[in-house]
Amino acid sequence: MSVAKLSVSQQNYLRAIWNLGEWSAEPVTTSAVAQTVRLRASTVSDALKKLTEQGLVAHSPYGAIELTERGRALAVEMVRRHRLIETFLVEMLGYRWDQVHAEAEHLEHAASDFMIDRLDDLLGHPARDPHGDPIPARDGSITAPDAVSLSTVPHGARVRVERISDRDSQLLRFFEDNGIGVGVPLDIRSGGPYSGSVEAVLDDGAHSVALGQTATDAVWVSLAGTGP
């Protein structure tokens, strides 16, 4: 089965399930999927039942939602479409990284497999999209960065930004305005007592940004060593 034979809503459900489990070890639930696709839980439950009957999803009532092998292959194909389109919009059309998520969600359903492969060739087979998320290869293989949530990093660590969640466009703009993006090195320091934040130091100490938990939860980093 090709994703072209799925309805737009089915494509959205499969990609949503994949995305929810990509960077989290938490079980994927009906409520989480409903929040992601912005539909009522009852509507999502009915859709999941149909996807289960099609052999694309494994889901028991009140249990975790998992993609079957066939469902995973189709979800990965949708993820590949989405992330290549985002990359094209940024690199070729000059979009900002906070503008591309919603645009790609519209375009990914209309694009043919041939068009997606041509985009991949044009872009030079990029490994990651503008937010640092891995782009599946044509054969479905994925090479994810070795990264952890910034919220788990101890003070004094030196890190490199590997990925920033694209779920909140305003937060993406905040990061961009403060010079935080994929590939940027940061020294992580305490934000002070009772502040509930950390201080991310950029440019060898020339600039720092206070980040609360909403921000640190959205950033994934690789550990580069220990700061001064």
C-alpha atoms as a PDB file:
ATOM      1  CA  MET A   1       0.000   0.000   0.000  1.00  0.00           C
ATOM      2  CA  SER A   2       1.160   3.514  -0.857  1.00  0.00           C
ATOM      3  CA  VAL A   3       0.345   6.612   1.184  1.00  0.00           C
ATOM      4  CA  ALA A   4      -1.388   7.911  -1.944  1.00  0.00           C
ATOM      5  CA  LYS A   5      -4.128   5.343  -1.330  1.00  0.00           C
ATOM      6  CA  LEU A   6      -4.783   6.663   2.178  1.00  0.00           C
ATOM      7  CA  SER A   7      -7.128   9.517   2.955  1.00  0.00           C
ATOM      8  CA  VAL A   8      -5.691  12.796   4.221  1.00  0.00           C
ATOM      9  CA  SER A   9      -6.976  12.056   7.716  1.00  0.00           C
ATOM     10  CA  GLN A  10      -5.394   8.586   7.713  1.00  0.00           C
ATOM     11  CA  GLN A  11      -2.087  10.096   6.628  1.00  0.00           C
ATOM     12  CA  ASN A  12      -2.337  12.633   9.449  1.00  0.00           C
ATOM     13  CA  TYR A  13      -3.087   9.988  12.063  1.00  0.00           C
ATOM     14  CA  LEU A  14      -0.152   7.790  11.085  1.00  0.00           C
ATOM     15  CA  ARG A  15       2.299  10.693  11.079  1.00  0.00           C
ATOM     16  CA  ALA A  16       0.931  11.963  14.397  1.00  0.00           C
ATOM     17  CA  ILE A  17       1.410   8.559  16.042  1.00  0.00           C
ATOM     18  CA  TRP A  18       4.951   8.375  14.702  1.00  0.00           C
ATOM     19  CA  ASN A  19       5.821  11.890  15.843  1.00  0.00           C
ATOM     20  CA  LEU A  20       4.478  11.311  19.349  1.00  0.00           C
ATOM     21  CA  GLY A  21       6.720   8.304  19.826  1.00  0.00           C
ATOM     22  CA  GLU A  22       9.826   9.551  18.026  1.00  0.00           C
ATOM     23  CA  TRP A  23      11.324  11.617  20.852  1.00  0.00           C
ATOM     24  CA  SER A  24       9.458  10.204  23.831  1.00  0.00           C
ATOM     25  CA  ALA A  25       9.385   6.875  25.638  1.00  0.00           C
ATOM     26  CA  GLU A  26       5.876   7.592  26.937  1.00  0.00           C
ATOM     27  CA  PRO A  27       3.067   5.380  25.562  1.00  0.00           C
ATOM     28  CA  VAL A  28       1.090   7.013  22.765  1.00  0.00           C
ATOM     29  CA  THR A  29      -2.496   7.518  23.942  1.00  0.00           C
ATOM     30  CA  THR A  30      -5.763   8.429  22.272  1.00  0.00           C
ATOM     31  CA  SER A  31      -5.842  11.765  24.091  1.00  0.00           C
ATOM     32  CA  ALA A  32      -2.313  12.597  22.906  1.00  0.00           C
ATOM     33  CA  VAL A  33      -3.245  11.831  19.307  1.00  0.00           C
ATOM     34  CA  ALA A  34      -6.446  13.871  19.669  1.00  0.00           C
ATOM     35  CA  GLN A  35      -4.467  16.847  20.927  1.00  0.00           C
ATOM     36  CA  THR A  36      -1.990  16.541  18.060  1.00  0.00           C
ATOM     37  CA  VAL A  37      -4.580  16.322  15.284  1.00  0.00           C
ATOM     38  CA  ARG A  38      -6.924  18.740  17.097  1.00  0.00           C
ATOM     39  CA  LEU A  39      -9.981  16.524  17.095  1.00  0.00           C
ATOM     40  CA  ARG A  40     -12.250  15.095  19.776  1.00  0.00           C
ATOM     41  CA  ALA A  41     -11.099  11.902  21.480  1.00  0.00           C
ATOM     42  CA  SER A  42     -14.255  10.087  20.352  1.00  0.00           C
ATOM     43  CA  THR A  43     -13.507  10.960  16.726  1.00  0.00           C
ATOM     44  CA  VAL A  44      -9.941   9.744  17.112  1.00  0.00           C
ATOM     45  CA  SER A  45     -11.085   6.494  18.747  1.00  0.00           C
ATOM     46  CA  ASP A  46     -13.299   5.723  15.750  1.00  0.00           C
ATOM     47  CA  ALA A  47     -10.442   6.461  13.350  1.00  0.00           C
ATOM     48  CA  LEU A  48      -8.021   4.274  15.313  1.00  0.00           C
ATOM     49  CA  LYS A  49     -10.491   1.405  15.181  1.00  0.00           C
ATOM     50  CA  LYS A  50     -10.548   1.643  11.380  1.00  0.00           C
ATOM     51  CA  LEU A  51      -6.751   1.853  11.189  1.00  0.00           C
ATOM     52  CA  THR A  52      -6.557  -1.231  13.405  1.00  0.00           C
ATOM     53  CA  GLU A  53      -8.942  -3.101  11.100  1.00  0.00           C
ATOM     54  CA  GLN A  54      -6.699  -2.136   8.169  1.00  0.00           C
ATOM     55  CA  GLY A  55      -3.676  -3.608   9.929  1.00  0.00           C
ATOM     56  CA  LEU A  56      -1.896  -0.272  10.254  1.00  0.00           C
ATOM     57  CA  VAL A  57      -2.230   0.238  14.009  1.00  0.00           C
ATOM     58  CA  ALA A  58      -2.230  -2.055  17.044  1.00  0.00           C
ATOM     59  CA  HIS A  59      -4.540  -0.671  19.705  1.00  0.00           C
ATOM     60  CA  SER A  60      -6.672  -2.170  22.436  1.00  0.00           C
ATOM     61  CA  PRO A  61      -9.279  -0.130  24.363  1.00  0.00           C
ATOM     62  CA  TYR A  62      -7.533   2.117  26.914  1.00  0.00           C
ATOM     63  CA  GLY A  63      -4.169   0.712  25.821  1.00  0.00           C
ATOM     64  CA  ALA A  64      -1.150   2.279  24.126  1.00  0.00           C
ATOM     65  CA  ILE A  65      -1.242   2.918  20.393  1.00  0.00           C
ATOM     66  CA  GLU A  66       1.476   1.343  18.266  1.00  0.00           C
ATOM     67  CA  LEU A  67       2.124   1.271  14.557  1.00  0.00           C
ATOM     68  CA  THR A  68       2.328  -2.108  12.874  1.00  0.00           C
ATOM     69  CA  GLU A  69       5.236  -2.774  10.527  1.00  0.00           C
ATOM     70  CA  ARG A  70       3.109  -1.703   7.564  1.00  0.00           C
ATOM     71  CA  GLY A  71       1.740   1.298   9.435  1.00  0.00           C
ATOM     72  CA  ARG A  72       5.243   2.355  10.423  1.00  0.00           C
ATOM     73  CA  ALA A  73       6.446   2.213   6.807  1.00  0.00           C
ATOM     74  CA  LEU A  74       3.590   4.470   5.701  1.00  0.00           C
ATOM     75  CA  ALA A  75       4.103   6.850   8.628  1.00  0.00           C
ATOM     76  CA  VAL A  76       7.806   7.145   7.816  1.00  0.00           C
ATOM     77  CA  GLU A  77       6.904   7.941   4.218  1.00  0.00           C
ATOM     78  CA  MET A  78       4.676  10.790   5.424  1.00  0.00           C
ATOM     79  CA  VAL A  79       7.402  12.036   7.771  1.00  0.00           C
ATOM     80  CA  ARG A  80       9.855  12.025   4.854  1.00  0.00           C
ATOM     81  CA  ARG A  81       7.451  14.101   2.753  1.00  0.00           C
ATOM     82  CA  HIS A  82       6.841  16.595   5.528  1.00  0.00           C
ATOM     83  CA  ARG A  83      10.474  17.163   6.433  1.00  0.00           C
ATOM     84  CA  LEU A  84      11.749  17.394   2.865  1.00  0.00           C
ATOM     85  CA  ILE A  85       9.072  19.979   2.082  1.00  0.00           C
ATOM     86  CA  GLU A  86      10.016  21.970   5.191  1.00  0.00           C
ATOM     87  CA  THR A  87      13.663  21.880   4.121  1.00  0.00           C
ATOM     88  CA  PHE A  88      12.791  22.986   0.590  1.00  0.00           C
ATOM     89  CA  LEU A  89      10.709  25.897   1.876  1.00  0.00           C
ATOM     90  CA  VAL A  90      13.559  27.150   4.068  1.00  0.00           C
ATOM     91  CA  GLU A  91      16.510  26.541   1.760  1.00  0.00           C
ATOM     92  CA  MET A  92      14.957  27.347  -1.609  1.00  0.00           C
ATOM     93  CA  LEU A  93      12.060  29.712  -0.917  1.00  0.00           C
ATOM     94  CA  GLY A  94      13.418  31.666   2.025  1.00  0.00           C
ATOM     95  CA  TYR A  95      10.803  30.717   4.602  1.00  0.00           C
ATOM     96  CA  ARG A  96      11.674  31.091   8.278  1.00  0.00           C
ATOM     97  CA  TRP A  97      11.805  27.870  10.282  1.00  0.00           C
ATOM     98  CA  ASP A  98       8.766  28.966  12.307  1.00  0.00           C
ATOM     99  CA  GLN A  99       6.662  29.303   9.129  1.00  0.00           C
ATOM    100  CA  VAL A 100       7.121  25.922   7.475  1.00  0.00           C
ATOM    101  CA  HIS A 101       5.328  23.372   9.670  1.00  0.00           C
ATOM    102  CA  ALA A 102       1.755  24.371   8.820  1.00  0.00           C
ATOM    103  CA  GLU A 103       2.668  24.973   5.169  1.00  0.00           C
ATOM    104  CA  ALA A 104       4.217  21.515   4.856  1.00  0.00           C
ATOM    105  CA  GLU A 105       1.140  19.931   6.438  1.00  0.00           C
ATOM    106  CA  HIS A 106      -0.923  21.212   3.505  1.00  0.00           C
ATOM    107  CA  LEU A 107       1.578  20.378   0.761  1.00  0.00           C
ATOM    108  CA  GLU A 108       2.566  16.883   1.922  1.00  0.00           C
ATOM    109  CA  HIS A 109      -0.814  15.427   0.941  1.00  0.00           C
ATOM    110  CA  ALA A 110      -0.746  16.779  -2.608  1.00  0.00           C
ATOM    111  CA  ALA A 111       2.848  15.881  -3.492  1.00  0.00           C
ATOM    112  CA  SER A 112       3.536  12.749  -5.535  1.00  0.00           C
ATOM    113  CA  ASP A 113       6.262  10.250  -4.685  1.00  0.00           C
ATOM    114  CA  PHE A 114       8.105  11.400  -7.811  1.00  0.00           C
ATOM    115  CA  MET A 115       8.027  15.027  -6.663  1.00  0.00           C
ATOM    116  CA  ILE A 116       9.334  14.133  -3.208  1.00  0.00           C
ATOM    117  CA  ASP A 117      12.219  12.163  -4.724  1.00  0.00           C
ATOM    118  CA  ARG A 118      13.046  15.115  -6.985  1.00  0.00           C
ATOM    119  CA  LEU A 119      13.053  17.452  -3.970  1.00  0.00           C
ATOM    120  CA  ASP A 120      15.407  15.060  -2.206  1.00  0.00           C
ATOM    121  CA  ASP A 121      17.764  15.093  -5.207  1.00  0.00           C
ATOM    122  CA  LEU A 122      17.562  18.888  -5.547  1.00  0.00           C
ATOM    123  CA  LEU A 123      18.397  19.424  -1.875  1.00  0.00           C
ATOM    124  CA  GLY A 124      21.328  17.003  -1.970  1.00  0.00           C
ATOM    125  CA  HIS A 125      19.717  14.307   0.192  1.00  0.00           C
ATOM    126  CA  PRO A 126      19.678  16.246   3.486  1.00  0.00           C
ATOM    127  CA  ALA A 127      19.955  14.200   6.674  1.00  0.00           C
ATOM    128  CA  ARG A 128      17.921  16.578   8.827  1.00  0.00           C
ATOM    129  CA  ASP A 129      15.241  19.221   8.430  1.00  0.00           C
ATOM    130  CA  PRO A 130      15.571  22.862   9.603  1.00  0.00           C
ATOM    131  CA  HIS A 131      14.540  21.892  13.145  1.00  0.00           C
ATOM    132  CA  GLY A 132      17.086  19.065  13.378  1.00  0.00           C
ATOM    133  CA  ASP A 133      14.621  16.205  12.957  1.00  0.00           C
ATOM    134  CA  PRO A 134      16.055  13.321  10.889  1.00  0.00           C
ATOM    135  CA  ILE A 135      14.748  12.962   7.344  1.00  0.00           C
ATOM    136  CA  PRO A 136      14.064   9.330   6.419  1.00  0.00           C
ATOM    137  CA  ALA A 137      16.012   8.112   3.401  1.00  0.00           C
ATOM    138  CA  ARG A 138      14.291   6.835   0.280  1.00  0.00           C
ATOM    139  CA  ASP A 139      14.507   3.271   1.619  1.00  0.00           C
ATOM    140  CA  GLY A 140      12.865   4.282   4.907  1.00  0.00           C
ATOM    141  CA  SER A 141      16.008   4.145   7.017  1.00  0.00           C
ATOM    142  CA  ILE A 142      16.512   6.857   9.631  1.00  0.00           C
ATOM    143  CA  THR A 143      19.685   8.122  11.282  1.00  0.00           C
ATOM    144  CA  ALA A 144      18.692  10.026  14.413  1.00  0.00           C
ATOM    145  CA  PRO A 145      21.134  12.284  16.277  1.00  0.00           C
ATOM    146  CA  ASP A 146      22.399  11.059  19.638  1.00  0.00           C
ATOM    147  CA  ALA A 147      20.611  13.662  21.727  1.00  0.00           C
ATOM    148  CA  VAL A 148      18.910  14.180  25.083  1.00  0.00           C
ATOM    149  CA  SER A 149      16.408  16.724  26.343  1.00  0.00           C
ATOM    150  CA  LEU A 150      18.013  19.941  27.562  1.00  0.00           C
ATOM    151  CA  SER A 151      15.792  19.629  30.642  1.00  0.00           C
ATOM    152  CA  THR A 152      17.879  16.634  31.758  1.00  0.00           C
ATOM    153  CA  VAL A 153      21.297  18.258  31.319  1.00  0.00           C
ATOM    154  CA  PRO A 154      23.206  19.193  34.507  1.00  0.00           C
ATOM    155  CA  HIS A 155      24.440  22.708  35.144  1.00  0.00           C
ATOM    156  CA  GLY A 156      28.015  23.157  33.980  1.00  0.00           C
ATOM    157  CA  ALA A 157      27.577  21.042  30.871  1.00  0.00           C
ATOM    158  CA  ARG A 158      28.660  22.177  27.448  1.00  0.00           C
ATOM    159  CA  VAL A 159      26.226  21.060  24.766  1.00  0.00           C
ATOM    160  CA  ARG A 160      25.438  21.373  21.080  1.00  0.00           C
ATOM    161  CA  VAL A 161      21.860  21.927  19.918  1.00  0.00           C
ATOM    162  CA  GLU A 162      20.747  18.983  17.772  1.00  0.00           C
ATOM    163  CA  ARG A 163      17.000  19.430  17.511  1.00  0.00           C
ATOM    164  CA  ILE A 164      14.258  21.917  18.445  1.00  0.00           C
ATOM    165  CA  SER A 165      10.587  20.924  18.466  1.00  0.00           C
ATOM    166  CA  ASP A 166       8.519  22.681  15.810  1.00  0.00           C
ATOM    167  CA  ARG A 167       5.202  22.433  17.673  1.00  0.00           C
ATOM    168  CA  ASP A 168       5.239  26.057  18.874  1.00  0.00           C
ATOM    169  CA  SER A 169       6.012  28.634  16.184  1.00  0.00           C
ATOM    170  CA  GLN A 170       6.282  31.482  18.716  1.00  0.00           C
ATOM    171  CA  LEU A 171       8.856  29.526  20.691  1.00  0.00           C
ATOM    172  CA  LEU A 172      10.824  28.910  17.503  1.00  0.00           C
ATOM    173  CA  ARG A 173      10.833  32.647  16.847  1.00  0.00           C
ATOM    174  CA  PHE A 174      12.070  33.240  20.419  1.00  0.00           C
ATOM    175  CA  PHE A 175      14.965  30.856  19.866  1.00  0.00           C
ATOM    176  CA  GLU A 176      15.833  32.462  16.533  1.00  0.00           C
ATOM    177  CA  ASP A 177      15.727  35.969  18.024  1.00  0.00           C
ATOM    178  CA  ASN A 178      18.164  34.835  20.710  1.00  0.00           C
ATOM    179  CA  GLY A 179      20.582  33.036  18.413  1.00  0.00           C
ATOM    180  CA  ILE A 180      19.674  29.489  19.435  1.00  0.00           C
ATOM    181  CA  GLY A 181      19.414  27.036  16.554  1.00  0.00           C
ATOM    182  CA  VAL A 182      20.558  23.641  15.362  1.00  0.00           C
ATOM    183  CA  GLY A 183      24.336  23.298  15.633  1.00  0.00           C
ATOM    184  CA  VAL A 184      24.771  26.132  18.145  1.00  0.00           C
ATOM    185  CA  PRO A 185      27.039  25.362  21.153  1.00  0.00           C
ATOM    186  CA  LEU A 186      25.760  26.330  24.611  1.00  0.00           C
ATOM    187  CA  ASP A 187      27.191  26.401  28.120  1.00  0.00           C
ATOM    188  CA  ILE A 188      24.459  25.533  30.612  1.00  0.00           C
ATOM    189  CA  ARG A 189      24.499  27.298  33.971  1.00  0.00           C
ATOM    190  CA  SER A 190      22.104  27.673  36.867  1.00  0.00           C
ATOM    191  CA  GLY A 191      19.442  30.319  36.402  1.00  0.00           C
ATOM    192  CA  GLY A 192      19.605  31.268  40.057  1.00  0.00           C
ATOM    193  CA  PRO A 193      17.738  30.083  43.144  1.00  0.00           C
ATOM    194  CA  TYR A 194      13.947  29.732  42.803  1.00  0.00           C
ATOM    195  CA  SER A 195      14.028  30.962  39.206  1.00  0.00           C
ATOM    196  CA  GLY A 196      12.875  27.704  37.642  1.00  0.00           C
ATOM    197  CA  SER A 197      15.163  28.348  34.712  1.00  0.00           C
ATOM    198  CA  VAL A 198      18.633  27.682  33.359  1.00  0.00           C
ATOM    199  CA  GLU A 199      21.026  30.127  31.759  1.00  0.00           C
ATOM    200  CA  ALA A 200      22.193  29.177  28.283  1.00  0.00           C
ATOM    201  CA  VAL A 201      25.446  30.962  27.458  1.00  0.00           C
ATOM    202  CA  LEU A 202      26.312  31.560  23.789  1.00  0.00           C
ATOM    203  CA  ASP A 203      29.260  33.051  21.947  1.00  0.00           C
ATOM    204  CA  ASP A 204      31.891  32.183  24.567  1.00  0.00           C
ATOM    205  CA  GLY A 205      30.081  34.147  27.257  1.00  0.00           C
ATOM    206  CA  ALA A 206      29.157  37.214  25.214  1.00  0.00           C
ATOM    207  CA  HIS A 207      25.432  36.489  25.325  1.00  0.00           C
ATOM    208  CA  SER A 208      23.146  34.458  27.583  1.00  0.00           C
ATOM    209  CA  VAL A 209      19.459  33.537  27.578  1.00  0.00           C
ATOM    210  CA  ALA A 210      17.265  32.436  30.481  1.00  0.00           C
ATOM    211  CA  LEU A 211      15.278  29.343  29.504  1.00  0.00           C
ATOM    212  CA  GLY A 212      12.288  28.027  31.446  1.00  0.00           C
ATOM    213  CA  GLN A 213      11.089  24.446  31.301  1.00  0.00           C
ATOM    214  CA  THR A 214       8.805  25.013  28.315  1.00  0.00           C
ATOM    215  CA  ALA A 215      11.884  26.078  26.362  1.00  0.00           C
ATOM    216  CA  THR A 216      14.263  23.399  27.666  1.00  0.00           C
ATOM    217  CA  ASP A 217      11.681  20.673  26.995  1.00  0.00           C
ATOM    218  CA  ALA A 218      11.660  21.740  23.340  1.00  0.00           C
ATOM    219  CA  VAL A 219      15.440  21.536  22.867  1.00  0.00           C
ATOM    220  CA  TRP A 220      17.474  18.357  22.354  1.00  0.00           C
ATOM    221  CA  VAL A 221      21.235  18.473  22.659  1.00  0.00           C
ATOM    222  CA  SER A 222      24.373  16.372  22.469  1.00  0.00           C
ATOM    223  CA  LEU A 223      26.873  16.615  25.295  1.00  0.00           C
ATOM    224  CA  ALA A 224      30.105  18.286  24.246  1.00  0.00           C
ATOM    225  CA  GLY A 225      31.894  18.289  27.600  1.00  0.00           C
ATOM    226  CA  THR A 226      31.916  20.220  30.828  1.00  0.00           C
ATOM    227  CA  GLY A 227      32.000  23.982  30.975  1.00  0.00           C
ATOM    228  CA  PRO A 228      34.192  26.127  33.271  1.00  0.00           C
END
